[in-house]
C-alpha atoms as a PDB file:
ATOM      1  CA  UNK A   1       0.008  -0.107   0.081  1.00  0.00           C
ATOM      2  CA  UNK A   2       2.863   2.415   0.650  1.00  0.00           C
ATOM      3  CA  UNK A   3       4.349   1.706  -2.684  1.00  0.00           C
ATOM      4  CA  UNK A   4       1.320   2.448  -4.332  1.00  0.00           C
ATOM      5  CA  UNK A   5       0.578   5.633  -2.232  1.00  0.00           C
ATOM      6  CA  UNK A   6       4.443   6.800  -2.733  1.00  0.00           C
ATOM      7  CA  UNK A   7       3.727   6.261  -6.854  1.00  0.00           C
ATOM      8  CA  UNK A   8       0.583   8.512  -6.671  1.00  0.00           C
ATOM      9  CA  UNK A   9       2.493  11.070  -4.685  1.00  0.00           C
ATOM     10  CA  UNK A  10       5.199  11.271  -7.185  1.00  0.00           C
ATOM     11  CA  UNK A  11       3.038  11.523 -10.085  1.00  0.00           C
ATOM     12  CA  UNK A  12       0.791  14.006  -8.635  1.00  0.00           C
ATOM     13  CA  UNK A  13       3.640  16.330  -7.721  1.00  0.00           C
ATOM     14  CA  UNK A  14       5.284  16.033 -10.765  1.00  0.00           C
ATOM     15  CA  UNK A  15       1.954  16.944 -12.687  1.00  0.00           C
ATOM     16  CA  UNK A  16       1.690  19.834 -10.613  1.00  0.00           C
ATOM     17  CA  UNK A  17       5.077  21.577 -11.522  1.00  0.00           C
ATOM     18  CA  UNK A  18       5.754  23.307 -14.772  1.00  0.00           C
ATOM     19  CA  UNK A  19       9.200  23.800 -16.228  1.00  0.00           C
ATOM     20  CA  UNK A  20       9.652  27.171 -15.121  1.00  0.00           C
ATOM     21  CA  UNK A  21       9.151  26.223 -11.561  1.00  0.00           C
ATOM     22  CA  UNK A  22      12.235  24.137 -11.588  1.00  0.00           C
ATOM     23  CA  UNK A  23      14.246  26.374 -13.782  1.00  0.00           C
ATOM     24  CA  UNK A  24      13.981  24.462 -16.899  1.00  0.00           C
ATOM     25  CA  UNK A  25      13.209  26.278 -20.362  1.00  0.00           C
ATOM     26  CA  UNK A  26       9.648  27.039 -21.273  1.00  0.00           C
ATOM     27  CA  UNK A  27       8.196  25.860 -24.516  1.00  0.00           C
ATOM     28  CA  UNK A  28      10.771  23.509 -25.650  1.00  0.00           C
ATOM     29  CA  UNK A  29       9.324  20.333 -27.156  1.00  0.00           C
ATOM     30  CA  UNK A  30       5.716  19.086 -27.265  1.00  0.00           C
ATOM     31  CA  UNK A  31       4.101  18.026 -24.031  1.00  0.00           C
ATOM     32  CA  UNK A  32       1.334  15.620 -24.017  1.00  0.00           C
ATOM     33  CA  UNK A  33       0.487  16.086 -20.316  1.00  0.00           C
ATOM     34  CA  UNK A  34       0.768  18.849 -17.815  1.00  0.00           C
ATOM     35  CA  UNK A  35       3.619  18.998 -15.658  1.00  0.00           C
ATOM     36  CA  UNK A  36       7.149  17.682 -15.840  1.00  0.00           C
ATOM     37  CA  UNK A  37       8.539  14.670 -17.575  1.00  0.00           C
ATOM     38  CA  UNK A  38       9.684  11.810 -15.850  1.00  0.00           C
ATOM     39  CA  UNK A  39      13.130  12.230 -17.358  1.00  0.00           C
ATOM     40  CA  UNK A  40      13.284  15.951 -16.176  1.00  0.00           C
ATOM     41  CA  UNK A  41      12.457  14.916 -12.437  1.00  0.00           C
ATOM     42  CA  UNK A  42      15.159  12.023 -12.802  1.00  0.00           C
ATOM     43  CA  UNK A  43      17.636  14.491 -13.987  1.00  0.00           C
ATOM     44  CA  UNK A  44      16.801  17.123 -11.393  1.00  0.00           C
ATOM     45  CA  UNK A  45      16.957  14.433  -8.717  1.00  0.00           C
ATOM     46  CA  UNK A  46      20.343  12.807 -10.089  1.00  0.00           C
ATOM     47  CA  UNK A  47      18.626   9.544 -10.602  1.00  0.00           C
ATOM     48  CA  UNK A  48      18.264   7.188 -13.823  1.00  0.00           C
ATOM     49  CA  UNK A  49      15.065   7.639 -15.697  1.00  0.00           C
ATOM     50  CA  UNK A  50      14.661   3.908 -15.390  1.00  0.00           C
ATOM     51  CA  UNK A  51      14.966   3.813 -11.665  1.00  0.00           C
ATOM     52  CA  UNK A  52      12.695   6.792 -11.087  1.00  0.00           C
ATOM     53  CA  UNK A  53      10.143   5.264 -13.506  1.00  0.00           C
ATOM     54  CA  UNK A  54       9.899   1.996 -11.374  1.00  0.00           C
ATOM     55  CA  UNK A  55       9.198   4.308  -8.327  1.00  0.00           C
ATOM     56  CA  UNK A  56       6.157   6.024 -10.088  1.00  0.00           C
ATOM     57  CA  UNK A  57       5.112   2.451 -11.217  1.00  0.00           C
ATOM     58  CA  UNK A  58       4.957   1.276  -7.643  1.00  0.00           C
ATOM     59  CA  UNK A  59       7.676  -1.361  -7.990  1.00  0.00           C
ATOM     60  CA  UNK A  60       9.239  -2.975  -4.713  1.00  0.00           C
ATOM     61  CA  UNK A  61      12.516  -1.013  -4.745  1.00  0.00           C
ATOM     62  CA  UNK A  62      14.190   0.492  -1.923  1.00  0.00           C
ATOM     63  CA  UNK A  63      14.765   4.096  -1.778  1.00  0.00           C
ATOM     64  CA  UNK A  64      17.555   5.415   0.291  1.00  0.00           C
ATOM     65  CA  UNK A  65      17.216   8.573   2.536  1.00  0.00           C
ATOM     66  CA  UNK A  66      19.481  10.426   0.023  1.00  0.00           C
ATOM     67  CA  UNK A  67      17.575   9.511  -3.134  1.00  0.00           C
ATOM     68  CA  UNK A  68      14.071  10.465  -1.374  1.00  0.00           C
ATOM     69  CA  UNK A  69      15.607  13.845  -0.175  1.00  0.00           C
ATOM     70  CA  UNK A  70      16.961  14.561  -3.537  1.00  0.00           C
ATOM     71  CA  UNK A  71      13.365  13.921  -4.987  1.00  0.00           C
ATOM     72  CA  UNK A  72      12.117  16.159  -2.361  1.00  0.00           C
ATOM     73  CA  UNK A  73      14.219  19.014  -3.678  1.00  0.00           C
ATOM     74  CA  UNK A  74      13.613  18.222  -7.370  1.00  0.00           C
ATOM     75  CA  UNK A  75       9.923  18.333  -6.979  1.00  0.00           C
ATOM     76  CA  UNK A  76      10.015  21.524  -4.633  1.00  0.00           C
ATOM     77  CA  UNK A  77       8.290  19.765  -1.760  1.00  0.00           C
ATOM     78  CA  UNK A  78       7.569  21.740   1.211  1.00  0.00           C
ATOM     79  CA  UNK A  79       8.184  20.403   4.799  1.00  0.00           C
ATOM     80  CA  UNK A  80       5.058  18.805   5.361  1.00  0.00           C
ATOM     81  CA  UNK A  81       5.130  17.042   1.852  1.00  0.00           C
ATOM     82  CA  UNK A  82       8.928  16.204   2.352  1.00  0.00           C
ATOM     83  CA  UNK A  83       7.941  14.333   5.972  1.00  0.00           C
ATOM     84  CA  UNK A  84       5.123  12.533   3.849  1.00  0.00           C
ATOM     85  CA  UNK A  85       7.328  11.378   1.162  1.00  0.00           C
ATOM     86  CA  UNK A  86       9.670   9.909   4.086  1.00  0.00           C
ATOM     87  CA  UNK A  87       6.720   8.186   5.466  1.00  0.00           C
ATOM     88  CA  UNK A  88       5.957   6.586   2.372  1.00  0.00           C
ATOM     89  CA  UNK A  89       9.284   5.433   1.629  1.00  0.00           C
ATOM     90  CA  UNK A  90       9.486   3.886   5.239  1.00  0.00           C
ATOM     91  CA  UNK A  91      12.242   6.457   6.387  1.00  0.00           C
ATOM     92  CA  UNK A  92      12.582   8.414   9.551  1.00  0.00           C
ATOM     93  CA  UNK A  93      10.696  11.683   9.368  1.00  0.00           C
ATOM     94  CA  UNK A  94      12.609  14.840  10.015  1.00  0.00           C
ATOM     95  CA  UNK A  95      11.597  17.047  12.954  1.00  0.00           C
ATOM     96  CA  UNK A  96       9.565  20.075  12.168  1.00  0.00           C
ATOM     97  CA  UNK A  97      11.558  23.371  12.141  1.00  0.00           C
ATOM     98  CA  UNK A  98      10.281  25.573  14.490  1.00  0.00           C
ATOM     99  CA  UNK A  99      11.943  28.168  16.446  1.00  0.00           C
ATOM    100  CA  UNK A 100      12.717  27.114  20.145  1.00  0.00           C
ATOM    101  CA  UNK A 101      11.272  30.480  21.426  1.00  0.00           C
ATOM    102  CA  UNK A 102       7.782  29.894  19.399  1.00  0.00           C
ATOM    103  CA  UNK A 103       7.690  26.157  20.843  1.00  0.00           C
ATOM    104  CA  UNK A 104       8.327  27.294  24.311  1.00  0.00           C
ATOM    105  CA  UNK A 105       5.586  29.981  24.157  1.00  0.00           C
ATOM    106  CA  UNK A 106       2.780  27.777  22.639  1.00  0.00           C
ATOM    107  CA  UNK A 107       3.613  24.860  24.744  1.00  0.00           C
ATOM    108  CA  UNK A 108       3.272  27.220  27.731  1.00  0.00           C
ATOM    109  CA  UNK A 109      -0.032  28.471  26.712  1.00  0.00           C
ATOM    110  CA  UNK A 110      -1.317  24.911  26.498  1.00  0.00           C
ATOM    111  CA  UNK A 111       0.170  23.971  29.949  1.00  0.00           C
ATOM    112  CA  UNK A 112      -1.396  27.034  31.368  1.00  0.00           C
ATOM    113  CA  UNK A 113      -4.770  26.504  29.691  1.00  0.00           C
ATOM    114  CA  UNK A 114      -5.367  23.269  31.494  1.00  0.00           C
ATOM    115  CA  UNK A 115      -5.764  25.044  35.108  1.00  0.00           C
ATOM    116  CA  UNK A 116      -7.009  24.408  37.607  1.00  0.00           C
ATOM    117  CA  UNK A 117      -5.562  20.857  37.039  1.00  0.00           C
ATOM    118  CA  UNK A 118      -1.793  20.617  37.736  1.00  0.00           C
ATOM    119  CA  UNK A 119      -0.068  19.729  34.464  1.00  0.00           C
ATOM    120  CA  UNK A 120       3.454  19.594  33.120  1.00  0.00           C
ATOM    121  CA  UNK A 121       5.190  19.239  29.759  1.00  0.00           C
ATOM    122  CA  UNK A 122       8.559  16.960  29.461  1.00  0.00           C
ATOM    123  CA  UNK A 123      10.635  16.421  26.412  1.00  0.00           C
ATOM    124  CA  UNK A 124      12.036  12.974  25.580  1.00  0.00           C
ATOM    125  CA  UNK A 125      14.459  13.063  28.426  1.00  0.00           C
ATOM    126  CA  UNK A 126      11.601  13.477  31.039  1.00  0.00           C
ATOM    127  CA  UNK A 127      13.142  17.256  31.490  1.00  0.00           C
ATOM    128  CA  UNK A 128      10.699  19.853  32.503  1.00  0.00           C
ATOM    129  CA  UNK A 129       9.979  22.538  29.650  1.00  0.00           C
ATOM    130  CA  UNK A 130       6.675  23.966  30.912  1.00  0.00           C
ATOM    131  CA  UNK A 131       4.443  23.657  34.113  1.00  0.00           C
ATOM    132  CA  UNK A 132       1.530  25.670  35.396  1.00  0.00           C
ATOM    133  CA  UNK A 133       0.742  27.469  38.520  1.00  0.00           C
ATOM    134  CA  UNK A 134      -1.260  24.707  40.109  1.00  0.00           C
ATOM    135  CA  UNK A 135       1.461  22.303  39.440  1.00  0.00           C
ATOM    136  CA  UNK A 136       3.855  24.533  41.392  1.00  0.00           C
ATOM    137  CA  UNK A 137       1.403  24.864  44.398  1.00  0.00           C
ATOM    138  CA  UNK A 138       0.180  21.259  44.750  1.00  0.00           C
ATOM    139  CA  UNK A 139       3.209  19.231  43.433  1.00  0.00           C
ATOM    140  CA  UNK A 140       6.585  20.858  42.818  1.00  0.00           C
ATOM    141  CA  UNK A 141       8.423  23.918  41.595  1.00  0.00           C
ATOM    142  CA  UNK A 142      10.735  22.816  38.788  1.00  0.00           C
ATOM    143  CA  UNK A 143      12.165  26.685  38.731  1.00  0.00           C
ATOM    144  CA  UNK A 144      13.729  25.781  42.260  1.00  0.00           C
ATOM    145  CA  UNK A 145      15.756  23.070  40.805  1.00  0.00           C
ATOM    146  CA  UNK A 146      19.246  23.794  38.953  1.00  0.00           C
ATOM    147  CA  UNK A 147      18.714  23.985  35.308  1.00  0.00           C
ATOM    148  CA  UNK A 148      20.559  20.520  34.642  1.00  0.00           C
ATOM    149  CA  UNK A 149      18.441  18.761  37.229  1.00  0.00           C
ATOM    150  CA  UNK A 150      15.202  20.018  36.049  1.00  0.00           C
ATOM    151  CA  UNK A 151      13.921  16.476  35.541  1.00  0.00           C
ATOM    152  CA  UNK A 152      11.194  14.191  36.455  1.00  0.00           C
ATOM    153  CA  UNK A 153      13.461  11.298  37.682  1.00  0.00           C
ATOM    154  CA  UNK A 154      15.657  13.569  39.547  1.00  0.00           C
ATOM    155  CA  UNK A 155      12.572  15.232  41.374  1.00  0.00           C
ATOM    156  CA  UNK A 156      11.108  11.798  42.078  1.00  0.00           C
ATOM    157  CA  UNK A 157      14.246  10.138  43.631  1.00  0.00           C
ATOM    158  CA  UNK A 158      16.098  12.845  45.200  1.00  0.00           C
ATOM    159  CA  UNK A 159      13.803  15.487  46.386  1.00  0.00           C
ATOM    160  CA  UNK A 160      12.825  14.461  50.124  1.00  0.00           C
ATOM    161  CA  UNK A 161       9.814  17.074  50.323  1.00  0.00           C
ATOM    162  CA  UNK A 162       8.019  15.524  47.336  1.00  0.00           C
ATOM    163  CA  UNK A 163       8.746  11.847  48.665  1.00  0.00           C
ATOM    164  CA  UNK A 164       7.458  12.886  51.967  1.00  0.00           C
ATOM    165  CA  UNK A 165       4.308  14.265  50.479  1.00  0.00           C
ATOM    166  CA  UNK A 166       3.463  11.096  48.271  1.00  0.00           C
ATOM    167  CA  UNK A 167       1.886   8.437  50.612  1.00  0.00           C
ATOM    168  CA  UNK A 168       2.322   5.893  47.715  1.00  0.00           C
ATOM    169  CA  UNK A 169       5.775   7.104  46.561  1.00  0.00           C
ATOM    170  CA  UNK A 170       7.117   3.834  45.638  1.00  0.00           C
ATOM    171  CA  UNK A 171       4.598   2.837  43.262  1.00  0.00           C
ATOM    172  CA  UNK A 172       4.626   6.178  41.414  1.00  0.00           C
ATOM    173  CA  UNK A 173       8.480   6.069  41.370  1.00  0.00           C
ATOM    174  CA  UNK A 174       8.844   2.604  40.120  1.00  0.00           C
ATOM    175  CA  UNK A 175       6.165   3.515  37.285  1.00  0.00           C
ATOM    176  CA  UNK A 176       8.163   6.371  36.182  1.00  0.00           C
ATOM    177  CA  UNK A 177      11.261   4.720  36.471  1.00  0.00           C
ATOM    178  CA  UNK A 178       9.721   1.782  33.873  1.00  0.00           C
ATOM    179  CA  UNK A 179       8.626   4.496  31.619  1.00  0.00           C
ATOM    180  CA  UNK A 180      12.073   6.102  31.623  1.00  0.00           C
ATOM    181  CA  UNK A 181      13.904   2.857  31.095  1.00  0.00           C
ATOM    182  CA  UNK A 182      12.038   2.185  27.921  1.00  0.00           C
ATOM    183  CA  UNK A 183      12.884   5.618  26.661  1.00  0.00           C
ATOM    184  CA  UNK A 184      16.650   5.220  27.562  1.00  0.00           C
ATOM    185  CA  UNK A 185      16.668   1.751  25.807  1.00  0.00           C
ATOM    186  CA  UNK A 186      15.526   3.444  22.390  1.00  0.00           C
ATOM    187  CA  UNK A 187      18.391   5.887  22.777  1.00  0.00           C
ATOM    188  CA  UNK A 188      21.025   4.094  24.500  1.00  0.00           C
ATOM    189  CA  UNK A 189      23.769   6.483  23.342  1.00  0.00           C
ATOM    190  CA  UNK A 190      21.881   9.580  24.113  1.00  0.00           C
ATOM    191  CA  UNK A 191      24.591  11.588  26.202  1.00  0.00           C
ATOM    192  CA  UNK A 192      21.806  13.424  28.228  1.00  0.00           C
ATOM    193  CA  UNK A 193      20.170  10.012  29.337  1.00  0.00           C
ATOM    194  CA  UNK A 194      23.531   8.478  29.990  1.00  0.00           C
ATOM    195  CA  UNK A 195      24.420  11.619  32.420  1.00  0.00           C
ATOM    196  CA  UNK A 196      21.296  11.444  34.180  1.00  0.00           C
ATOM    197  CA  UNK A 197      21.453   7.431  34.632  1.00  0.00           C
ATOM    198  CA  UNK A 198      24.816   7.949  36.012  1.00  0.00           C
ATOM    199  CA  UNK A 199      24.142  10.647  38.508  1.00  0.00           C
ATOM    200  CA  UNK A 200      20.932   9.126  39.820  1.00  0.00           C
ATOM    201  CA  UNK A 201      22.476   5.724  40.459  1.00  0.00           C
ATOM    202  CA  UNK A 202      25.198   7.422  42.477  1.00  0.00           C
ATOM    203  CA  UNK A 203      22.561   9.876  44.468  1.00  0.00           C
ATOM    204  CA  UNK A 204      19.757   7.575  44.910  1.00  0.00           C
ATOM    205  CA  UNK A 205      20.199   3.832  46.290  1.00  0.00           C
ATOM    206  CA  UNK A 206      16.287   2.813  44.864  1.00  0.00           C
ATOM    207  CA  UNK A 207      17.064   4.197  41.460  1.00  0.00           C
ATOM    208  CA  UNK A 208      20.314   2.105  41.268  1.00  0.00           C
ATOM    209  CA  UNK A 209      18.610  -1.047  42.582  1.00  0.00           C
ATOM    210  CA  UNK A 210      15.472  -0.806  40.643  1.00  0.00           C
ATOM    211  CA  UNK A 211      17.493   0.340  37.546  1.00  0.00           C
ATOM    212  CA  UNK A 212      19.638  -2.830  37.510  1.00  0.00           C
ATOM    213  CA  UNK A 213      16.577  -5.017  37.053  1.00  0.00           C
ATOM    214  CA  UNK A 214      15.599  -3.389  33.868  1.00  0.00           C
ATOM    215  CA  UNK A 215      12.029  -2.540  34.634  1.00  0.00           C
ATOM    216  CA  UNK A 216       9.800  -2.026  31.570  1.00  0.00           C
ATOM    217  CA  UNK A 217       6.020  -0.960  31.654  1.00  0.00           C
ATOM    218  CA  UNK A 218       4.104   1.300  29.668  1.00  0.00           C
ATOM    219  CA  UNK A 219       2.108   4.008  30.955  1.00  0.00           C
ATOM    220  CA  UNK A 220      -0.997   2.747  32.621  1.00  0.00           C
ATOM    221  CA  UNK A 221      -4.281   4.781  33.846  1.00  0.00           C
ATOM    222  CA  UNK A 222      -3.135   5.744  37.530  1.00  0.00           C
ATOM    223  CA  UNK A 223      -4.300   7.699  40.350  1.00  0.00           C
ATOM    224  CA  UNK A 224      -1.648   9.421  42.726  1.00  0.00           C
ATOM    225  CA  UNK A 225      -2.249  11.010  46.047  1.00  0.00           C
ATOM    226  CA  UNK A 226      -0.355  14.025  47.420  1.00  0.00           C
ATOM    227  CA  UNK A 227      -0.722  15.212  51.029  1.00  0.00           C
ATOM    228  CA  UNK A 228      -1.002  19.148  51.339  1.00  0.00           C
ATOM    229  CA  UNK A 229      -0.088  20.497  54.729  1.00  0.00           C
ATOM    230  CA  UNK A 230      -3.341  22.806  54.712  1.00  0.00           C
ATOM    231  CA  UNK A 231      -5.859  20.962  52.471  1.00  0.00           C
ATOM    232  CA  UNK A 232      -4.952  17.375  53.212  1.00  0.00           C
ATOM    233  CA  UNK A 233      -4.860  14.447  50.830  1.00  0.00           C
ATOM    234  CA  UNK A 234      -5.503  15.310  47.242  1.00  0.00           C
ATOM    235  CA  UNK A 235      -6.057  12.356  44.903  1.00  0.00           C
ATOM    236  CA  UNK A 236      -5.507  12.856  41.091  1.00  0.00           C
ATOM    237  CA  UNK A 237      -5.977  10.944  38.202  1.00  0.00           C
ATOM    238  CA  UNK A 238      -3.095  11.098  35.684  1.00  0.00           C
ATOM    239  CA  UNK A 239      -3.516  11.636  31.853  1.00  0.00           C
ATOM    240  CA  UNK A 240      -0.419  11.338  29.443  1.00  0.00           C
ATOM    241  CA  UNK A 241      -0.830  12.959  25.989  1.00  0.00           C
ATOM    242  CA  UNK A 242       1.508  13.950  22.996  1.00  0.00           C
ATOM    243  CA  UNK A 243       0.968  16.903  20.843  1.00  0.00           C
ATOM    244  CA  UNK A 244       0.847  15.785  17.293  1.00  0.00           C
ATOM    245  CA  UNK A 245       3.235  18.613  16.146  1.00  0.00           C
ATOM    246  CA  UNK A 246       5.722  17.763  19.050  1.00  0.00           C
ATOM    247  CA  UNK A 247       6.052  13.852  19.347  1.00  0.00           C
ATOM    248  CA  UNK A 248       8.923  13.918  21.712  1.00  0.00           C
ATOM    249  CA  UNK A 249       6.966  15.903  24.062  1.00  0.00           C
ATOM    250  CA  UNK A 250       4.954  14.548  26.900  1.00  0.00           C
ATOM    251  CA  UNK A 251       1.721  16.483  28.320  1.00  0.00           C
ATOM    252  CA  UNK A 252       0.817  15.136  31.887  1.00  0.00           C
ATOM    253  CA  UNK A 253      -2.297  16.452  33.435  1.00  0.00           C
ATOM    254  CA  UNK A 254      -3.261  15.607  37.060  1.00  0.00           C
ATOM    255  CA  UNK A 255      -6.963  16.007  37.431  1.00  0.00           C
ATOM    256  CA  UNK A 256      -8.682  15.736  40.756  1.00  0.00           C
ATOM    257  CA  UNK A 257     -10.647  12.324  41.213  1.00  0.00           C
ATOM    258  CA  UNK A 258     -13.548  13.543  43.020  1.00  0.00           C
ATOM    259  CA  UNK A 259     -15.278  16.749  43.620  1.00  0.00           C
ATOM    260  CA  UNK A 260     -13.814  16.864  47.229  1.00  0.00           C
ATOM    261  CA  UNK A 261     -10.201  16.487  45.791  1.00  0.00           C
ATOM    262  CA  UNK A 262     -11.214  19.488  43.297  1.00  0.00           C
ATOM    263  CA  UNK A 263     -12.264  21.523  46.213  1.00  0.00           C
ATOM    264  CA  UNK A 264      -9.002  20.774  48.229  1.00  0.00           C
ATOM    265  CA  UNK A 265      -7.066  21.358  45.064  1.00  0.00           C
ATOM    266  CA  UNK A 266      -8.523  24.825  44.422  1.00  0.00           C
ATOM    267  CA  UNK A 267      -8.081  25.631  48.065  1.00  0.00           C
ATOM    268  CA  UNK A 268      -4.460  25.216  47.547  1.00  0.00           C
ATOM    269  CA  UNK A 269      -4.092  26.986  44.322  1.00  0.00           C
ATOM    270  CA  UNK A 270      -6.007  29.952  45.881  1.00  0.00           C
ATOM    271  CA  UNK A 271      -3.999  30.344  48.851  1.00  0.00           C
END
């Protein structure tokens, strides 16, 4: 199915272009159909006409990243079309190019909009990148941590105050560690992961012991509890979502489990 879609996509894009769009002379030779000829696309991409024709015919041939990217340039694909072409060719998708400042502002607005629920956004290393006021007042203030330790695992395993306020800390910590272990396994040579694992192993006996057991468990619907000195115990259902435009980001929303829990949470955030 991907080969057929790849062939259709290439044909459609070739038909949508005119010689002038790609810097070719206009009006040279008779054209029976609109758009570029196959041989013109092949030449622009640096491919043989036979090989490009096979691609448009949907034949079972492998296209390397270099070939696909050359075709993207030849066919004047924009960023969305380029990513789609890579998907159809079975290749990794290049990340969307958005300025960090724009991403930061957009993500912060999203997290703020989830109030009064405590919410936070993590990157693929489980580093905090955005959080809202209810999260600070009910759970923890990431801004109080050193920049290189502004990380969920670091908070869970080294922050004594957070641990003391979670009556079921071990279950929550094991669940977070299992997700983190799976993420590290997907990028075993990532320097940020390597640095965090080494530092956490040295700092936390529980982390080191549990890490060596290689726990793996995907996220499950869960309810956590936090003891607030003024409001009492607050139970919150945990939800995890990934924004489509930022697939490496993880939004975690903690929703008070009952009306009474919501009342207590609002009491904390209003004080």
